[in-house]
Amino acid sequence: MPEIENQVAIITGAGRMRGIGRAAALALADAGCDIVLTGTGRDPSAFPDDEKQAGWSDIESVADEVRALGRRALPLVVNVADADQVENMVKQAVSSLGRVDILVNNAAFLRGVDRVPVVDLPEELFRKVMEIKMVGTFLCSQAVARHLIDQGQGGSIVNVSSTAGRRGLANTAAYCAANFAVHGFTQSLALELATHQIRVNAVCPGLIDTERNELLKEDDRWDRQLHSIPLGHAGTADDIGQAIRFLCSPGAAYITGEYININGGSVMQ
């Protein structure tokens, strides 16, 4: 029997074909969850080439995959930094699927344009990175936590952070700041929700072979990072999806307020 049978999970930022959100959705669906998938409503003209060639349809494609696993799926276009849209997301999830038990905060700003020195980083861009990553995590967690408390049956929140939230990196100030903030938020929320048996944890991916990291392959940054990984290779979105599945499962029932490094050992370097 699947280990999280008939629970309902909300996963933000779930529409990319080679993304962590999709991997988390399929891992949790395989574990027995019905899935609410959120995305930004990307214009297909902006899809990467591999998605265009595959005829990809963002969260609709992931929803089809979830249904193929025998689970229900609800794809929703949501701006996670908009409180009204987030509240409506939870209401639609409960109305359509009956309950919510799990939240995976995966939405993040598109990588690349923010990777500049602080002296060259526009304030608007810094705010945008923080808004989607940290404010979005706050709003989604707040809305789901209120529902979980009222539901009275515990629950699990998993925040997708980064090893960039464990140590600072040059030319990455906005992203690092947002992920450091997610770590503090994770532990604070874990303490607040523990008496309700709602667990809050984070996963910290290192170098993961997703579409988000394709820019690193345009120069020597990808190879340089590979050489710093003790296991000698990049991770996959499925590596992160399986860790999220574990944190949402009964096997992690005594784990809260933690952040799990998934980086091939690079955090030790």
Protein backbone atom coordinates (compact mmCIF):
# COMPACT_ATOMS: atom_id res chain seq x y z
CA MET A 1 0.00 0.00 0.00
CA PRO A 2 1.33 3.50 -0.80
CA GLU A 3 2.64 5.18 2.34
CA ILE A 4 0.66 8.45 2.07
CA GLU A 5 -2.62 7.02 0.81
CA ASN A 6 -5.42 9.48 0.01
CA GLN A 7 -3.69 12.61 1.27
CA VAL A 8 -3.72 15.82 -0.77
CA ALA A 9 -0.54 17.73 -1.57
CA ILE A 10 -0.15 21.24 -2.97
CA ILE A 11 3.05 21.73 -4.96
CA THR A 12 4.01 25.20 -6.19
CA GLY A 13 6.20 25.78 -9.23
CA ALA A 14 5.28 22.39 -10.66
CA GLY A 15 5.07 22.96 -14.41
CA ARG A 16 8.59 22.54 -15.79
CA MET A 17 9.33 19.28 -17.60
CA ARG A 18 12.76 18.91 -15.99
CA GLY A 19 11.91 20.56 -12.70
CA ILE A 20 11.86 19.60 -9.04
CA GLY A 21 8.16 20.46 -8.79
CA ARG A 22 7.19 17.86 -11.37
CA ALA A 23 9.44 15.26 -9.72
CA ALA A 24 7.86 15.97 -6.33
CA ALA A 25 4.38 15.71 -7.81
CA LEU A 26 5.05 12.32 -9.38
CA ALA A 27 6.81 11.01 -6.26
CA LEU A 28 3.92 12.01 -4.01
CA ALA A 29 1.32 10.72 -6.48
CA ASP A 30 3.15 7.39 -6.54
CA ALA A 31 3.02 7.45 -2.73
CA GLY A 32 -0.78 7.76 -2.86
CA CYS A 33 -1.45 11.51 -2.87
CA ASP A 34 -3.83 13.53 -4.95
CA ILE A 35 -1.99 16.59 -6.23
CA VAL A 36 -2.68 20.30 -6.63
CA LEU A 37 -0.17 21.72 -9.12
CA THR A 38 0.52 25.42 -9.42
CA GLY A 39 2.34 27.34 -12.12
CA THR A 40 2.58 30.87 -13.43
CA GLY A 41 0.76 30.28 -16.70
CA ARG A 42 3.92 30.50 -18.79
CA ASP A 43 3.52 31.54 -22.42
CA PRO A 44 4.39 28.48 -24.57
CA SER A 45 6.59 30.70 -26.74
CA ALA A 46 8.90 31.03 -23.73
CA PHE A 47 9.21 27.27 -23.17
CA PRO A 48 12.72 25.82 -23.57
CA ASP A 49 13.36 23.83 -26.74
CA ASP A 50 13.05 20.41 -25.12
CA GLU A 51 9.58 21.28 -23.80
CA LYS A 52 8.47 22.60 -27.19
CA GLN A 53 9.72 19.46 -28.94
CA ALA A 54 7.90 17.26 -26.43
CA GLY A 55 4.63 19.16 -26.86
CA TRP A 56 4.75 20.08 -23.20
CA SER A 57 1.80 21.94 -21.64
CA ASP A 58 3.22 23.03 -18.27
CA ILE A 59 1.08 22.05 -15.26
CA GLU A 60 -1.52 20.45 -17.55
CA SER A 61 1.08 17.90 -18.69
CA VAL A 62 2.08 17.12 -15.10
CA ALA A 63 -1.60 16.77 -14.19
CA ASP A 64 -1.99 14.18 -16.96
CA GLU A 65 0.97 12.25 -15.56
CA VAL A 66 -0.50 12.31 -12.06
CA ARG A 67 -3.82 10.99 -13.38
CA ALA A 68 -1.98 8.24 -15.25
CA LEU A 69 -0.75 7.09 -11.83
CA GLY A 70 -4.37 6.74 -10.71
CA ARG A 71 -4.52 9.91 -8.62
CA ARG A 72 -6.58 13.07 -8.94
CA ALA A 73 -4.90 16.27 -10.11
CA LEU A 74 -5.90 19.93 -9.96
CA PRO A 75 -3.74 22.32 -12.03
CA LEU A 76 -4.01 25.99 -11.02
CA VAL A 77 -2.35 29.17 -12.24
CA VAL A 78 -1.30 31.01 -9.07
CA ASN A 79 0.93 33.95 -8.24
CA VAL A 80 2.32 32.71 -4.92
CA ALA A 81 3.24 36.27 -3.92
CA ASP A 82 -0.41 37.37 -4.08
CA ALA A 83 -2.24 36.67 -0.81
CA ASP A 84 -5.70 36.58 -2.40
CA GLN A 85 -4.61 34.10 -5.07
CA VAL A 86 -2.98 31.90 -2.45
CA GLU A 87 -6.11 31.89 -0.28
CA ASN A 88 -8.17 30.98 -3.33
CA MET A 89 -5.70 28.18 -4.15
CA VAL A 90 -6.36 26.54 -0.78
CA LYS A 91 -10.12 27.02 -1.11
CA GLN A 92 -10.13 25.42 -4.57
CA ALA A 93 -8.01 22.52 -3.33
CA VAL A 94 -10.43 21.79 -0.48
CA SER A 95 -13.49 22.29 -2.67
CA SER A 96 -12.22 19.98 -5.43
CA LEU A 97 -10.22 17.37 -3.50
CA GLY A 98 -11.77 17.54 -0.03
CA ARG A 99 -8.76 18.40 2.11
CA VAL A 100 -5.11 19.47 2.15
CA ASP A 101 -2.41 17.58 4.07
CA ILE A 102 0.90 18.54 2.47
CA LEU A 103 2.47 21.68 1.05
CA VAL A 104 5.65 21.74 -1.02
CA ASN A 105 6.93 25.31 -1.50
CA ASN A 106 8.96 24.98 -4.69
CA ALA A 107 8.22 28.18 -6.63
CA ALA A 108 11.29 30.34 -7.36
CA PHE A 109 12.38 33.17 -9.62
CA LEU A 110 13.88 32.18 -12.98
CA ARG A 111 17.62 31.80 -12.60
CA GLY A 112 20.11 34.01 -14.42
CA VAL A 113 19.37 37.71 -14.52
CA ASP A 114 19.90 38.13 -10.78
CA ARG A 115 23.39 36.56 -10.82
CA VAL A 116 25.37 39.81 -10.79
CA PRO A 117 27.45 41.65 -8.15
CA VAL A 118 25.46 43.47 -5.48
CA VAL A 119 26.69 46.84 -6.79
CA ASP A 120 25.03 46.04 -10.13
CA LEU A 121 21.86 44.36 -8.81
CA PRO A 122 18.70 46.42 -9.45
CA GLU A 123 16.51 46.87 -6.37
CA GLU A 124 13.46 45.75 -8.34
CA LEU A 125 15.15 42.46 -9.23
CA PHE A 126 16.28 41.85 -5.65
CA ARG A 127 12.72 42.42 -4.46
CA LYS A 128 11.32 40.08 -7.13
CA VAL A 129 13.59 37.20 -6.09
CA MET A 130 12.67 37.70 -2.44
CA GLU A 131 8.99 38.10 -3.27
CA ILE A 132 8.61 34.82 -5.09
CA LYS A 133 10.90 32.71 -2.93
CA MET A 134 10.39 34.06 0.58
CA VAL A 135 7.11 35.96 0.47
CA GLY A 136 5.57 33.16 -1.59
CA THR A 137 6.77 30.57 0.92
CA PHE A 138 5.34 32.67 3.76
CA LEU A 139 1.94 33.21 2.16
CA CYS A 140 1.47 29.60 1.06
CA SER A 141 2.64 28.26 4.42
CA GLN A 142 0.38 30.64 6.31
CA ALA A 143 -2.71 29.75 4.29
CA VAL A 144 -2.09 26.00 4.40
CA ALA A 145 -1.11 26.04 8.10
CA ARG A 146 -4.40 27.72 8.99
CA HIS A 147 -6.26 25.00 7.12
CA LEU A 148 -4.20 22.21 8.69
CA ILE A 149 -4.82 23.55 12.19
CA ASP A 150 -8.58 23.69 11.54
CA GLN A 151 -8.48 20.23 9.97
CA GLY A 152 -6.86 18.90 13.15
CA GLN A 153 -5.05 15.91 11.63
CA GLY A 154 -1.44 17.11 11.46
CA GLY A 155 0.34 17.60 8.18
CA SER A 156 3.65 18.34 6.50
CA ILE A 157 5.21 21.41 4.89
CA VAL A 158 8.41 21.03 2.87
CA ASN A 159 10.29 24.09 1.65
CA VAL A 160 12.60 23.67 -1.32
CA SER A 161 15.65 25.76 -0.49
CA SER A 162 19.26 25.40 -1.70
CA THR A 163 22.80 24.93 -0.51
CA ALA A 164 22.98 28.65 -1.38
CA GLY A 165 20.94 29.07 1.78
CA ARG A 166 23.70 27.44 3.82
CA ARG A 167 26.64 29.52 2.59
CA GLY A 168 26.99 32.75 0.65
CA LEU A 169 28.09 32.78 -2.97
CA ALA A 170 29.48 35.70 -4.97
CA ASN A 171 27.12 37.24 -7.53
CA THR A 172 24.21 35.40 -5.95
CA ALA A 173 23.17 37.75 -3.16
CA ALA A 174 19.44 37.86 -3.83
CA TYR A 175 19.12 34.09 -4.20
CA CYS A 176 21.30 33.40 -1.16
CA ALA A 177 19.42 35.92 0.97
CA ALA A 178 16.07 34.43 -0.01
CA ASN A 179 17.17 30.90 0.82
CA PHE A 180 18.84 31.86 4.10
CA ALA A 181 15.50 33.47 4.98
CA VAL A 182 13.65 30.27 4.08
CA HIS A 183 15.81 28.33 6.55
CA GLY A 184 15.02 30.67 9.44
CA PHE A 185 11.35 30.66 8.50
CA THR A 186 11.33 26.85 8.35
CA GLN A 187 12.61 26.47 11.90
CA SER A 188 10.36 29.20 13.32
CA LEU A 189 7.28 27.70 11.71
CA ALA A 190 8.27 24.20 12.82
CA LEU A 191 8.32 25.37 16.44
CA GLU A 192 4.99 27.15 16.11
CA LEU A 193 3.17 24.22 14.49
CA ALA A 194 4.68 21.33 16.43
CA THR A 195 1.86 21.19 18.99
CA HIS A 196 -0.53 20.66 16.08
CA GLN A 197 1.58 17.73 14.81
CA ILE A 198 2.36 19.69 11.66
CA ARG A 199 5.95 19.11 10.61
CA VAL A 200 7.97 21.70 8.69
CA ASN A 201 11.24 20.85 6.97
CA ALA A 202 13.39 21.99 4.07
CA VAL A 203 15.44 20.29 1.38
CA CYS A 204 18.63 21.93 0.14
CA PRO A 205 19.53 20.82 -3.39
CA GLY A 206 23.04 21.32 -4.66
CA LEU A 207 23.93 21.04 -8.35
CA ILE A 208 20.85 19.46 -9.95
CA ASP A 209 20.51 18.74 -13.67
CA THR A 210 17.32 20.70 -14.30
CA GLU A 211 16.30 23.22 -16.93
CA ARG A 212 16.84 25.92 -14.31
CA ASN A 213 20.59 25.21 -14.35
CA GLU A 214 21.10 25.09 -18.12
CA LEU A 215 22.79 28.50 -18.08
CA LEU A 216 25.68 26.98 -16.13
CA LYS A 217 26.48 24.77 -19.11
CA GLU A 218 27.10 27.73 -21.41
CA ASP A 219 30.56 28.26 -19.91
CA ASP A 220 32.85 26.39 -17.52
CA ARG A 221 30.72 26.88 -14.39
CA TRP A 222 28.98 23.50 -14.69
CA ASP A 223 32.25 21.57 -14.96
CA ARG A 224 33.84 23.58 -12.15
CA GLN A 225 30.94 22.77 -9.84
CA LEU A 226 31.02 19.09 -10.83
CA HIS A 227 34.66 18.89 -9.78
CA SER A 228 33.74 20.12 -6.30
CA ILE A 229 31.23 17.31 -5.69
CA PRO A 230 32.66 14.31 -3.79
CA LEU A 231 30.25 11.89 -5.51
CA GLY A 232 31.43 13.25 -8.85
CA HIS A 233 28.13 13.94 -10.60
CA ALA A 234 25.13 16.25 -10.55
CA GLY A 235 21.89 15.24 -8.92
CA THR A 236 18.53 14.82 -10.63
CA ALA A 237 15.11 16.27 -9.93
CA ASP A 238 14.04 12.77 -8.89
CA ASP A 239 16.67 12.80 -6.14
CA ILE A 240 14.91 15.80 -4.64
CA GLY A 241 11.44 14.42 -5.28
CA GLN A 242 12.23 11.24 -3.36
CA ALA A 243 13.60 13.23 -0.41
CA ILE A 244 10.39 15.26 -0.33
CA ARG A 245 8.38 12.03 -0.45
CA PHE A 246 10.29 10.75 2.57
CA LEU A 247 9.78 13.95 4.57
CA CYS A 248 6.02 13.75 3.95
CA SER A 249 5.82 10.07 4.90
CA PRO A 250 5.28 8.31 8.25
CA GLY A 251 8.97 7.39 8.12
CA ALA A 252 9.76 11.04 8.90
CA ALA A 253 7.14 11.39 11.64
CA TYR A 254 9.76 12.49 14.21
CA ILE A 255 11.56 14.96 11.94
CA THR A 256 10.72 18.65 12.02
CA GLY A 257 12.66 21.90 11.73
CA GLU A 258 15.40 20.23 9.69
CA TYR A 259 16.99 21.01 6.36
CA ILE A 260 18.38 18.08 4.41
CA ASN A 261 21.36 18.62 2.13
CA ILE A 262 21.05 16.79 -1.19
CA ASN A 263 24.25 17.74 -2.97
CA GLY A 264 26.55 14.75 -3.42
CA GLY A 265 28.59 15.83 -0.41
CA SER A 266 29.57 19.26 -1.73
CA VAL A 267 28.49 20.98 1.49
CA MET A 268 31.48 19.29 3.16
CA GLN A 269 33.96 20.94 0.82
